[in-house]
Protein backbone atom coordinates (compact mmCIF):
# COMPACT_ATOMS: atom_id res chain seq x y z
CA UNK A 1 0.02 0.02 -0.05
CA UNK A 2 1.11 3.65 -0.46
CA UNK A 3 3.22 5.17 2.23
CA UNK A 4 1.05 7.02 4.53
CA UNK A 5 2.98 10.55 4.43
CA UNK A 6 0.00 12.30 6.31
CA UNK A 7 0.25 9.92 9.16
CA UNK A 8 3.98 9.93 9.18
CA UNK A 9 4.24 13.79 9.25
CA UNK A 10 1.75 13.92 12.05
CA UNK A 11 4.15 12.25 14.35
CA UNK A 12 6.74 15.28 14.15
CA UNK A 13 5.48 18.26 16.05
CA UNK A 14 8.20 20.61 14.58
CA UNK A 15 6.81 20.23 11.03
CA UNK A 16 3.54 22.30 12.14
CA UNK A 17 5.93 25.26 12.08
CA UNK A 18 5.80 25.07 8.29
CA UNK A 19 9.41 25.06 7.37
CA UNK A 20 10.39 22.54 4.58
CA UNK A 21 13.30 20.29 5.99
CA UNK A 22 15.77 19.01 3.39
CA UNK A 23 18.42 19.02 6.12
CA UNK A 24 17.86 15.58 7.57
CA UNK A 25 21.37 14.57 6.93
CA UNK A 26 22.57 17.04 9.53
CA UNK A 27 19.90 15.99 11.91
CA UNK A 28 16.20 15.06 11.59
CA UNK A 29 13.31 16.44 13.45
CA UNK A 30 12.23 14.47 16.57
CA UNK A 31 9.39 12.32 16.73
CA UNK A 32 6.52 13.05 19.32
CA UNK A 33 7.20 9.80 21.01
CA UNK A 34 10.77 10.59 21.59
CA UNK A 35 9.88 13.94 23.11
CA UNK A 36 7.34 12.29 25.28
CA UNK A 37 9.67 9.45 26.41
CA UNK A 38 12.58 11.98 27.32
CA UNK A 39 10.10 14.41 29.22
CA UNK A 40 8.51 11.38 31.25
CA UNK A 41 12.03 10.28 32.19
CA UNK A 42 12.98 13.67 33.41
CA UNK A 43 9.88 14.00 35.46
CA UNK A 44 10.46 10.62 37.16
CA UNK A 45 12.64 9.85 40.07
CA UNK A 46 15.99 8.30 38.34
CA UNK A 47 19.13 7.81 40.36
CA UNK A 48 22.54 6.68 39.30
CA UNK A 49 22.66 2.91 38.36
CA UNK A 50 21.99 0.64 41.29
CA UNK A 51 19.76 -2.37 42.07
CA UNK A 52 19.33 -1.15 45.63
CA UNK A 53 16.38 1.18 44.99
CA UNK A 54 13.68 2.02 42.59
CA UNK A 55 15.29 5.14 40.96
CA UNK A 56 18.55 3.35 40.49
CA UNK A 57 16.86 0.32 38.98
CA UNK A 58 15.13 2.73 36.51
CA UNK A 59 18.33 4.00 35.23
CA UNK A 60 19.59 0.47 34.79
CA UNK A 61 16.30 -0.21 32.79
CA UNK A 62 16.87 2.60 30.63
CA UNK A 63 20.48 1.72 29.74
CA UNK A 64 19.28 -1.80 29.04
CA UNK A 65 16.46 -0.61 26.86
CA UNK A 66 18.42 1.57 24.74
CA UNK A 67 21.09 -1.04 24.02
CA UNK A 68 18.18 -3.37 23.16
CA UNK A 69 16.67 -0.91 20.86
CA UNK A 70 19.79 -0.28 18.93
CA UNK A 71 20.30 -4.00 18.69
CA UNK A 72 16.98 -4.36 17.08
CA UNK A 73 17.64 -1.48 14.66
CA UNK A 74 20.93 -3.10 13.46
CA UNK A 75 20.26 -6.81 14.11
CA UNK A 76 23.03 -6.98 16.63
CA UNK A 77 23.48 -8.31 20.24
CA UNK A 78 22.56 -5.71 23.00
CA UNK A 79 25.55 -6.68 25.00
CA UNK A 80 27.71 -5.19 21.96
CA UNK A 81 26.10 -1.86 21.90
CA UNK A 82 28.25 1.03 23.28
CA UNK A 83 26.31 4.16 23.94
CA UNK A 84 28.02 7.61 23.86
CA UNK A 85 27.47 11.40 23.03
CA UNK A 86 28.45 11.31 19.40
CA UNK A 87 29.68 9.24 16.55
CA UNK A 88 32.91 11.28 16.54
CA UNK A 89 33.50 10.69 20.10
CA UNK A 90 33.00 6.95 19.98
CA UNK A 91 35.10 6.74 16.93
CA UNK A 92 37.93 8.49 18.64
CA UNK A 93 37.60 6.16 21.51
CA UNK A 94 37.93 3.13 19.35
CA UNK A 95 40.80 4.74 17.26
CA UNK A 96 42.77 5.42 20.35
CA UNK A 97 42.15 1.88 21.67
CA UNK A 98 43.03 0.13 18.44
CA UNK A 99 45.76 2.51 17.60
CA UNK A 100 47.73 1.47 20.92
CA UNK A 101 48.23 -1.94 19.39
CA UNK A 102 49.58 -0.87 16.09
CA UNK A 103 53.29 -0.59 15.29
CA UNK A 104 55.60 1.01 12.54
CA UNK A 105 54.80 -0.97 9.18
CA UNK A 106 51.11 -1.53 10.06
CA UNK A 107 48.65 -0.11 7.66
CA UNK A 108 45.16 1.42 7.67
CA UNK A 109 42.93 2.26 4.89
CA UNK A 110 40.52 5.17 4.79
CA UNK A 111 38.41 6.63 1.98
CA UNK A 112 37.97 10.13 0.55
CA UNK A 113 34.31 9.62 0.47
CA UNK A 114 33.85 9.45 4.30
CA UNK A 115 32.68 12.05 6.76
CA UNK A 116 35.93 13.11 8.56
CA UNK A 117 34.61 11.37 11.65
CA UNK A 118 35.57 8.13 9.99
CA UNK A 119 38.81 9.42 8.61
CA UNK A 120 40.76 11.78 10.99
CA UNK A 121 40.68 9.52 14.11
CA UNK A 122 42.22 6.72 12.16
CA UNK A 123 44.77 9.04 10.47
CA UNK A 124 45.80 10.42 13.87
CA UNK A 125 45.99 7.08 15.64
CA UNK A 126 48.03 5.81 12.61
CA UNK A 127 50.38 8.78 12.88
CA UNK A 128 50.83 8.24 16.70
CA UNK A 129 51.70 4.48 16.03
CA UNK A 130 53.96 5.24 13.11
CA UNK A 131 51.61 3.29 10.94
CA UNK A 132 50.86 4.02 7.30
CA UNK A 133 47.70 5.53 5.90
CA UNK A 134 46.35 4.28 2.52
CA UNK A 135 43.59 5.99 0.71
CA UNK A 136 40.85 4.61 -1.20
CA UNK A 137 39.79 7.04 -4.03
CA UNK A 138 36.58 8.27 -5.35
CA UNK A 139 35.61 8.53 -8.96
CA UNK A 140 35.47 12.24 -9.73
CA UNK A 141 32.76 11.92 -12.16
CA UNK A 142 30.46 9.27 -10.82
CA UNK A 143 31.10 9.73 -7.14
CA UNK A 144 31.56 5.93 -6.67
CA UNK A 145 34.13 4.36 -4.41
CA UNK A 146 35.17 1.23 -6.48
CA UNK A 147 35.51 -1.89 -4.26
CA UNK A 148 38.12 -3.46 -6.64
CA UNK A 149 40.75 -0.75 -5.63
CA UNK A 150 40.80 -2.57 -2.16
CA UNK A 151 42.54 -5.49 -3.74
CA UNK A 152 45.67 -3.34 -4.10
CA UNK A 153 45.18 -1.22 -0.92
CA UNK A 154 44.70 -4.01 1.65
CA UNK A 155 47.68 -6.34 2.50
CA UNK A 156 49.17 -8.54 5.16
CA UNK A 157 49.91 -5.51 7.28
CA UNK A 158 46.46 -4.04 7.08
CA UNK A 159 45.16 -3.60 10.61
CA UNK A 160 41.94 -1.67 9.84
CA UNK A 161 39.73 -0.54 7.01
CA UNK A 162 37.26 2.32 7.60
CA UNK A 163 34.61 2.94 5.05
CA UNK A 164 31.23 4.57 4.99
CA UNK A 165 27.88 2.62 4.33
CA UNK A 166 26.42 5.95 2.79
CA UNK A 167 28.14 9.26 1.82
CA UNK A 168 26.59 12.11 3.74
CA UNK A 169 27.60 14.39 0.97
CA UNK A 170 26.52 12.82 -2.45
CA UNK A 171 24.64 9.79 -1.22
CA UNK A 172 26.96 6.95 -2.68
CA UNK A 173 26.30 3.65 -1.10
CA UNK A 174 29.77 1.56 -1.54
CA UNK A 175 29.77 -2.12 -1.83
CA UNK A 176 30.71 -2.54 1.85
CA UNK A 177 30.27 -6.30 1.99
CA UNK A 178 32.73 -6.73 -0.92
CA UNK A 179 35.22 -4.32 0.80
CA UNK A 180 34.83 -6.16 3.95
CA UNK A 181 35.36 -9.64 2.40
CA UNK A 182 38.76 -8.21 1.10
CA UNK A 183 39.71 -6.74 4.47
CA UNK A 184 38.67 -9.98 6.36
CA UNK A 185 40.83 -12.14 4.22
CA UNK A 186 43.97 -10.65 5.93
CA UNK A 187 42.32 -10.25 9.35
CA UNK A 188 41.74 -6.55 9.31
CA UNK A 189 38.96 -4.83 11.29
CA UNK A 190 36.43 -3.16 9.32
CA UNK A 191 34.90 -0.01 10.90
CA UNK A 192 31.60 1.10 9.12
CA UNK A 193 30.21 4.60 9.44
CA UNK A 194 26.55 3.93 9.37
CA UNK A 195 25.33 7.42 10.52
CA UNK A 196 24.01 8.39 7.10
CA UNK A 197 22.87 5.00 5.84
CA UNK A 198 21.06 3.61 8.76
CA UNK A 199 18.03 6.10 8.68
CA UNK A 200 17.39 5.28 5.16
CA UNK A 201 16.82 1.58 5.05
CA UNK A 202 17.19 -1.65 6.97
CA UNK A 203 20.72 -2.47 8.36
CA UNK A 204 22.08 -5.84 9.32
CA UNK A 205 25.45 -5.71 10.92
CA UNK A 206 26.56 -9.24 9.78
CA UNK A 207 25.47 -9.03 6.11
CA UNK A 208 27.12 -5.62 5.87
CA UNK A 209 30.38 -7.24 6.89
CA UNK A 210 31.05 -4.65 9.57
CA UNK A 211 33.01 -5.63 12.64
CA UNK A 212 32.13 -2.21 14.07
CA UNK A 213 29.35 -0.02 13.08
CA UNK A 214 28.63 3.67 14.34
CA UNK A 215 25.21 5.24 14.12
CA UNK A 216 23.67 8.65 15.59
CA UNK A 217 20.15 8.65 16.95
CA UNK A 218 19.51 12.26 16.00
CA UNK A 219 19.64 11.18 12.16
CA UNK A 220 16.78 8.74 12.71
CA UNK A 221 14.18 10.80 14.55
CA UNK A 222 15.89 10.49 18.00
CA UNK A 223 17.96 12.61 20.50
CA UNK A 224 21.65 13.65 20.24
CA UNK A 225 23.14 10.39 21.29
CA UNK A 226 25.20 7.76 19.27
CA UNK A 227 25.97 4.13 19.33
CA UNK A 228 29.02 1.88 18.25
CA UNK A 229 28.11 -1.62 17.78
CA UNK A 230 30.11 -4.88 17.58
CA UNK A 231 30.18 -8.40 18.70
CA UNK A 232 30.63 -8.50 22.51
CA UNK A 233 33.63 -10.89 22.05
CA UNK A 234 35.43 -8.16 19.95
CA UNK A 235 34.78 -5.56 22.71
CA UNK A 236 36.22 -8.06 25.28
CA UNK A 237 39.51 -8.15 23.62
CA UNK A 238 40.08 -4.41 23.71
CA UNK A 239 41.28 -2.40 26.63
CA UNK A 240 40.49 1.34 26.26
CA UNK A 241 41.83 3.94 28.59
CA UNK A 242 39.38 4.17 31.60
CA UNK A 243 39.08 5.54 34.97
CA UNK A 244 40.13 2.98 37.69
CA UNK A 245 37.08 2.67 39.51
CA UNK A 246 34.62 2.56 36.40
CA UNK A 247 33.21 -0.78 35.40
CA UNK A 248 35.42 -2.99 33.39
CA UNK A 249 32.49 -5.01 31.96
CA UNK A 250 31.60 -5.14 28.23
CA UNK A 251 30.34 -2.85 26.78
CA UNK A 252 30.51 -0.36 29.96
CA UNK A 253 34.21 -0.12 29.80
CA UNK A 254 33.97 1.91 26.56
CA UNK A 255 31.42 4.43 28.13
CA UNK A 256 32.86 7.50 29.94
CA UNK A 257 30.96 9.13 32.59
CA UNK A 258 27.43 9.09 33.85
CA UNK A 259 25.02 8.78 30.75
CA UNK A 260 22.05 11.01 29.95
CA UNK A 261 19.18 8.61 31.12
CA UNK A 262 16.34 10.56 29.75
CA UNK A 263 18.08 10.70 26.38
CA UNK A 264 18.58 7.09 26.47
CA UNK A 265 14.74 6.82 26.84
CA UNK A 266 14.64 8.84 23.66
CA UNK A 267 16.84 6.31 21.92
CA UNK A 268 14.37 3.50 22.74
CA UNK A 269 11.41 5.69 21.74
CA UNK A 270 13.05 6.52 18.43
CA UNK A 271 13.52 2.81 17.40
CA UNK A 272 9.88 2.19 18.49
CA UNK A 273 8.86 4.99 16.25
CA UNK A 274 10.66 3.50 13.25
CA UNK A 275 8.83 0.28 14.03
CA UNK A 276 5.41 2.15 13.38
CA UNK A 277 6.34 3.47 9.94
CA UNK A 278 4.60 0.45 8.28
CA UNK A 279 1.19 0.26 10.10
CA UNK A 280 0.63 -3.16 8.69
CA UNK A 281 3.90 -4.70 9.96
CA UNK A 282 3.73 -7.34 12.57
CA UNK A 283 6.14 -9.51 14.54
CA UNK A 284 9.17 -8.64 16.66
CA UNK A 285 10.41 -4.96 16.86
CA UNK A 286 13.19 -5.87 14.69
CA UNK A 287 10.86 -7.14 12.04
CA UNK A 288 8.62 -4.12 12.27
CA UNK A 289 11.64 -1.81 12.06
CA UNK A 290 12.82 -3.54 8.87
CA UNK A 291 9.35 -3.43 7.49
CA UNK A 292 8.96 0.19 8.43
CA UNK A 293 12.34 1.33 7.08
CA UNK A 294 11.75 -0.66 3.85
CA UNK A 295 8.44 1.45 3.24
CA UNK A 296 10.18 4.56 4.25
CA UNK A 297 13.05 3.77 1.74
CA UNK A 298 10.62 3.33 -1.15
CA UNK A 299 9.00 6.45 -0.41
CA UNK A 300 12.29 8.35 -0.15
CA UNK A 301 13.65 6.76 -3.41
CA UNK A 302 10.63 8.14 -5.29
CA UNK A 303 11.20 11.68 -4.00
CA UNK A 304 14.99 11.31 -4.84
CA UNK A 305 14.04 10.33 -8.44
CA UNK A 306 11.76 13.33 -8.76
CA UNK A 307 14.40 15.67 -7.25
CA UNK A 308 17.22 14.40 -9.49
CA UNK A 309 14.87 14.42 -12.69
CA UNK A 310 14.09 18.03 -11.80
CA UNK A 311 17.68 19.29 -11.21
CA UNK A 312 18.84 17.57 -14.51
CA UNK A 313 16.39 19.54 -16.39
CA UNK A 314 18.09 22.76 -15.26
CA UNK A 315 21.38 23.52 -16.87
CA UNK A 316 22.22 26.11 -14.54
CA UNK A 317 22.49 23.51 -11.85
CA UNK A 318 25.52 21.23 -11.38
CA UNK A 319 24.88 17.97 -9.30
CA UNK A 320 27.82 16.31 -8.00
CA UNK A 321 28.08 12.46 -8.34
CA UNK A 322 25.81 10.07 -10.21
CA UNK A 323 26.48 6.82 -8.21
CA UNK A 324 24.33 3.85 -9.26
CA UNK A 325 23.16 3.27 -5.64
CA UNK A 326 22.72 6.27 -3.41
CA UNK A 327 21.08 7.32 -0.10
CA UNK A 328 18.44 10.14 -0.81
CA UNK A 329 20.95 13.05 -0.71
CA UNK A 330 22.09 15.34 -3.34
CA UNK A 331 24.88 18.19 -3.41
CA UNK A 332 24.63 20.88 -6.14
CA UNK A 333 25.49 24.35 -7.07
CA UNK A 334 23.60 27.15 -8.79
CA UNK A 335 25.53 28.83 -11.54
CA UNK A 336 26.41 32.44 -10.61
CA UNK A 337 25.55 31.93 -7.08
CA UNK A 338 27.82 30.98 -4.12
CA UNK A 339 26.45 28.08 -2.08
CA UNK A 340 26.00 30.24 0.90
CA UNK A 341 24.01 32.61 -1.18
CA UNK A 342 21.87 29.84 -2.53
CA UNK A 343 21.26 28.57 1.01
CA UNK A 344 20.36 32.04 2.23
CA UNK A 345 17.75 32.70 -0.53
CA UNK A 346 16.21 29.17 0.04
CA UNK A 347 16.21 29.80 3.79
CA UNK A 348 14.28 33.16 3.34
CA UNK A 349 11.59 31.07 1.50
CA UNK A 350 11.27 28.67 4.41
CA UNK A 351 13.33 25.80 2.76
CA UNK A 352 16.21 24.34 5.18
CA UNK A 353 19.20 22.93 3.39
CA UNK A 354 22.72 22.54 4.51
CA UNK A 355 25.88 24.14 2.86
CA UNK A 356 29.58 23.77 3.10
CA UNK A 357 31.55 20.43 3.04
CA UNK A 358 29.27 18.94 5.83
CA UNK A 359 32.49 17.48 7.24
CA UNK A 360 32.90 15.37 4.01
CA UNK A 361 36.20 17.10 4.00
CA UNK A 362 38.32 14.86 1.69
CA UNK A 363 35.58 14.64 -0.93
CA UNK A 364 35.22 18.42 -1.45
CA UNK A 365 39.11 18.97 -1.45
CA UNK A 366 39.27 16.20 -4.19
CA UNK A 367 36.46 18.11 -6.14
CA UNK A 368 38.28 21.40 -5.76
CA UNK A 369 35.31 22.86 -3.92
CA UNK A 370 36.58 22.84 -0.45
CA UNK A 371 38.07 26.47 -0.45
CA UNK A 372 34.91 27.84 -2.40
CA UNK A 373 32.10 27.30 -0.10
CA UNK A 374 31.51 23.55 -0.76
CA UNK A 375 27.87 22.91 -2.30
CA UNK A 376 24.49 23.06 -1.19
CA UNK A 377 22.97 19.80 0.13
CA UNK A 378 19.32 18.47 -0.12
CA UNK A 379 18.72 15.53 2.02
CA UNK A 380 15.43 13.64 1.89
CA UNK A 381 13.84 11.95 4.82
CA UNK A 382 10.57 9.96 5.19
CA UNK A 383 8.55 13.05 6.27
CA UNK A 384 9.28 14.95 3.04
CA UNK A 385 6.66 15.11 0.35
CA UNK A 386 6.36 15.35 -3.52
CA UNK A 387 4.98 18.87 -3.04
CA UNK A 388 8.03 19.90 -1.18
CA UNK A 389 10.29 18.52 -3.78
CA UNK A 390 8.25 20.55 -6.30
CA UNK A 391 8.35 23.62 -4.27
CA UNK A 392 12.16 23.29 -3.76
CA UNK A 393 12.62 23.16 -7.68
CA UNK A 394 10.38 26.13 -8.09
CA UNK A 395 12.53 28.28 -5.72
CA UNK A 396 15.46 27.24 -7.48
CA UNK A 397 14.01 28.31 -10.66
CA UNK A 398 13.33 31.78 -9.08
CA UNK A 399 16.95 31.96 -8.22
CA UNK A 400 18.38 31.00 -11.66
CA UNK A 401 19.12 34.29 -13.54
CA UNK A 402 17.26 36.06 -10.84
CA UNK A 403 18.54 39.01 -8.63
CA UNK A 404 21.39 38.71 -6.20
CA UNK A 405 23.71 36.49 -8.38
CA UNK A 406 27.11 36.08 -7.16
CA UNK A 407 30.24 34.57 -8.58
CA UNK A 408 30.57 31.03 -7.42
């Protein structure tokens, strides 16, 4: 049955303000159930974790609930879910931990397609260990990250391969399973940045080939928290720097300080919300999440096709990348206008889009756009509509050859 966009939009209170949000790649609006869960947790007596009293037990339940929810989202083991403030912070923790085991002559492979959060921590850890960094290159014309190049990049001294499951800049979905197979043949760890990909379709940790996957809840209707997920056995073999009296259990040893218990309630509620996107779905929460994200992906792909077709019909607009498989994300420039000027004009009309390099630093440097304002990004989420896409195209028409043109 058709995706019920009216029902979906009704779950997001912020949409009633009337702004058009094509900025989900930078953070989606928050579902009502998430807001309620966070508020309820803050109104309820919650103590630090302890089995000795009711408030302490509530905090234990909130942590366990968030781990179980993320596990259902990614088809993982709750005991392997590390929770933290951001994908960047969690990746730095892992990079420092793994980097401490590297030596001169070891190698790590990163890509120029990735968000810098899955690049710089590994580059810096390699530099600290005297290890070598090798780069997977992006096809400048298509925006693809060819998996075949990893046959030459990965060798017996490769310790880690870091790759995105979906580009936050141009949407490219690399063949991560093929890359992981090459890496695993030499025993390398595969760290996958799932921040941009997870909101746009079902994700299975094992079939993806990820040894570690990182995701951020605020990219899938939740609060500003993140998770780093792996097999608990993998975590048990790693010894991160930690405070002496803090828990040495897995996955707690990777989590620093007291967590935000109310936001953890929001993480659980966000996954519960995703499980409602297909109202006809039945079964376990994992099954309902998979069905909901499958329905949402079909809706988003239809909108993406509509947007790409419209942009291609406007010669004054340059779209970057044409990958065969992509998340619903497009970066572009309008001839005669700087990206910032385009963003400002669209913002004045109520359209919210991102501008710059969005931390996809290496890609924009490769394209020669890093020092000239990057590009404008339109990212589609499941609460967007065909009318909003058409409205964006109409606003772009108003900008083309209109007043206020600037040298790009």
